[in-house]
Amino acid sequence: MQNVHAGAGTALVLERPARPGLRGALTDLLRIGAGTRVLAQLTITLFVPLPPVATLATHSAITALTWNSAGYCSSQLLRHPLTRRRLATLVGALEQARLPLAAVQPLAGQLGPALFRIVQARRRQTACASPPPRSCTC
């Protein structure tokens, strides 16, 4: 058996080299998510609705119990040149994607209160226009 640097269990999926192509990129992305336990945290967030404080506590505990950045970074998948190129491309795309969002942010800040006022006005109009409720005479 080969020497496993990333830990045991799900981290073993990080000990295979990166695969070329789009299908390989998607497979590698899932392997990284499973191997670094990000998918487990995402699943908890999506399927177990918790209050914000409980969510923060849960994620903090999972992160503290499974943290092994030195092991992850020394794994075969994350050391592979193809993975490093993909991650650099992803970082560049995320940097470019934030520019349009930064331009829209001031508009969104003004839009929120305006929408709230419109919704409140509509509620008042429908409350005034609807007939009063009848009392039940059973």
Protein backbone atom coordinates (compact mmCIF):
# COMPACT_ATOMS: atom_id res chain seq x y z
CA MET A 1 0.00 0.00 0.00
CA GLN A 2 1.29 3.44 -0.88
CA ASN A 3 2.08 6.12 1.67
CA VAL A 4 -0.99 8.32 2.21
CA HIS A 5 -0.17 11.91 3.14
CA ALA A 6 -3.66 13.42 3.18
CA GLY A 7 -5.07 11.24 5.91
CA ALA A 8 -7.40 8.29 5.80
CA GLY A 9 -10.88 7.57 4.55
CA THR A 10 -12.28 9.97 2.01
CA ALA A 11 -8.90 11.68 1.58
CA LEU A 12 -7.69 8.60 -0.31
CA VAL A 13 -9.46 9.93 -3.42
CA LEU A 14 -6.82 12.68 -3.51
CA GLU A 15 -4.07 10.14 -4.09
CA ARG A 16 -4.83 9.66 -7.80
CA PRO A 17 -3.45 11.96 -10.52
CA ALA A 18 -5.60 14.55 -12.29
CA ARG A 19 -7.51 13.50 -15.40
CA PRO A 20 -7.47 15.54 -18.61
CA GLY A 21 -10.57 16.87 -20.36
CA LEU A 22 -13.86 18.38 -19.23
CA ARG A 23 -15.15 15.13 -17.77
CA GLY A 24 -11.85 14.70 -15.94
CA ALA A 25 -12.11 18.25 -14.57
CA LEU A 26 -15.60 17.58 -13.22
CA THR A 27 -14.49 14.26 -11.75
CA ASP A 28 -11.46 15.89 -10.15
CA LEU A 29 -13.65 18.67 -8.72
CA LEU A 30 -15.90 16.09 -7.06
CA ARG A 31 -12.85 14.20 -5.80
CA ILE A 32 -11.43 17.39 -4.27
CA GLY A 33 -14.79 18.16 -2.65
CA ALA A 34 -15.08 14.67 -1.19
CA GLY A 35 -11.42 14.37 -0.21
CA THR A 36 -11.28 17.71 1.60
CA ARG A 37 -14.72 17.07 3.16
CA VAL A 38 -16.23 20.19 1.58
CA LEU A 39 -19.10 18.12 0.15
CA ALA A 40 -20.03 16.95 3.65
CA GLN A 41 -20.28 20.53 4.88
CA LEU A 42 -22.27 21.56 1.81
CA THR A 43 -24.68 18.67 2.33
CA ILE A 44 -25.25 19.67 5.95
CA THR A 45 -25.96 23.25 4.90
CA LEU A 46 -28.38 22.27 2.13
CA PHE A 47 -30.36 19.47 3.76
CA VAL A 48 -30.31 20.27 7.47
CA PRO A 49 -31.69 23.77 8.00
CA LEU A 50 -30.20 25.09 11.21
CA PRO A 51 -30.19 28.52 12.84
CA PRO A 52 -27.12 30.60 11.92
CA VAL A 53 -25.37 30.06 15.27
CA ALA A 54 -25.86 26.27 15.09
CA THR A 55 -24.65 26.26 11.48
CA LEU A 56 -21.54 28.21 12.48
CA ALA A 57 -20.87 25.82 15.36
CA THR A 58 -21.38 22.75 13.15
CA HIS A 59 -19.09 23.99 10.40
CA SER A 60 -16.46 25.12 12.88
CA ALA A 61 -16.45 21.70 14.56
CA ILE A 62 -16.26 19.81 11.24
CA THR A 63 -13.47 22.07 10.00
CA ALA A 64 -11.49 21.71 13.22
CA LEU A 65 -11.87 17.92 13.25
CA THR A 66 -10.97 17.37 9.59
CA TRP A 67 -8.43 20.14 8.97
CA ASN A 68 -5.30 18.82 7.29
CA SER A 69 -4.15 21.44 4.81
CA ALA A 70 -0.56 20.17 4.70
CA GLY A 71 -1.82 16.68 3.95
CA TYR A 72 -4.25 17.88 1.29
CA CYS A 73 -1.67 20.06 -0.45
CA SER A 74 0.86 17.23 -0.54
CA SER A 75 -1.62 14.81 -2.13
CA GLN A 76 -1.02 13.60 -5.66
CA LEU A 77 -4.16 15.24 -7.11
CA LEU A 78 -3.49 18.71 -5.71
CA ARG A 79 0.23 18.61 -6.58
CA HIS A 80 -0.47 17.64 -10.21
CA PRO A 81 0.40 20.40 -12.75
CA LEU A 82 -2.98 20.04 -14.47
CA THR A 83 -4.82 20.69 -11.19
CA ARG A 84 -2.63 23.71 -10.49
CA ARG A 85 -3.43 25.15 -13.95
CA ARG A 86 -7.14 24.54 -13.41
CA LEU A 87 -7.06 26.23 -10.00
CA ALA A 88 -5.19 29.22 -11.45
CA THR A 89 -7.83 29.51 -14.20
CA LEU A 90 -10.61 29.30 -11.62
CA VAL A 91 -9.02 32.01 -9.49
CA GLY A 92 -8.71 34.27 -12.54
CA ALA A 93 -12.36 33.64 -13.50
CA LEU A 94 -13.55 34.43 -9.97
CA GLU A 95 -11.52 37.64 -9.95
CA GLN A 96 -13.11 38.70 -13.26
CA ALA A 97 -16.60 37.72 -12.07
CA ARG A 98 -16.42 39.98 -9.05
CA LEU A 99 -15.90 43.13 -11.14
CA PRO A 100 -19.47 43.28 -12.53
CA LEU A 101 -20.85 42.49 -9.08
CA ALA A 102 -18.90 45.37 -7.58
CA ALA A 103 -20.41 47.71 -10.17
CA VAL A 104 -23.97 46.56 -9.38
CA GLN A 105 -23.59 46.58 -5.60
CA PRO A 106 -24.46 50.29 -5.06
CA LEU A 107 -27.63 49.81 -7.13
CA ALA A 108 -28.62 46.73 -5.13
CA GLY A 109 -28.21 48.67 -1.88
CA GLN A 110 -30.70 51.27 -3.11
CA LEU A 111 -33.05 48.72 -4.66
CA GLY A 112 -33.70 46.77 -1.46
CA PRO A 113 -35.43 49.55 0.53
CA ALA A 114 -37.39 50.64 -2.56
CA LEU A 115 -38.73 47.11 -3.08
CA PHE A 116 -39.64 46.89 0.59
CA ARG A 117 -41.69 50.11 0.33
CA ILE A 118 -43.47 48.82 -2.82
CA VAL A 119 -44.38 45.53 -1.13
CA GLN A 120 -45.69 47.34 1.96
CA ALA A 121 -47.80 49.67 -0.18
CA ARG A 122 -49.30 46.73 -2.10
CA ARG A 123 -50.17 44.95 1.14
CA ARG A 124 -51.97 48.04 2.41
CA GLN A 125 -53.88 48.38 -0.88
CA THR A 126 -55.04 44.76 -0.86
CA ALA A 127 -55.99 44.99 2.83
CA CYS A 128 -58.15 48.06 2.15
CA ALA A 129 -59.69 46.67 -1.05
CA SER A 130 -60.72 43.29 0.35
CA PRO A 131 -64.11 43.04 2.08
CA PRO A 132 -64.12 42.61 5.84
CA PRO A 133 -64.18 38.99 7.01
CA ARG A 134 -67.62 37.58 7.87
CA SER A 135 -68.17 36.13 11.26
CA CYS A 136 -69.04 32.48 11.36
CA THR A 137 -72.63 31.71 12.33
CA CYS A 138 -72.48 27.99 12.77
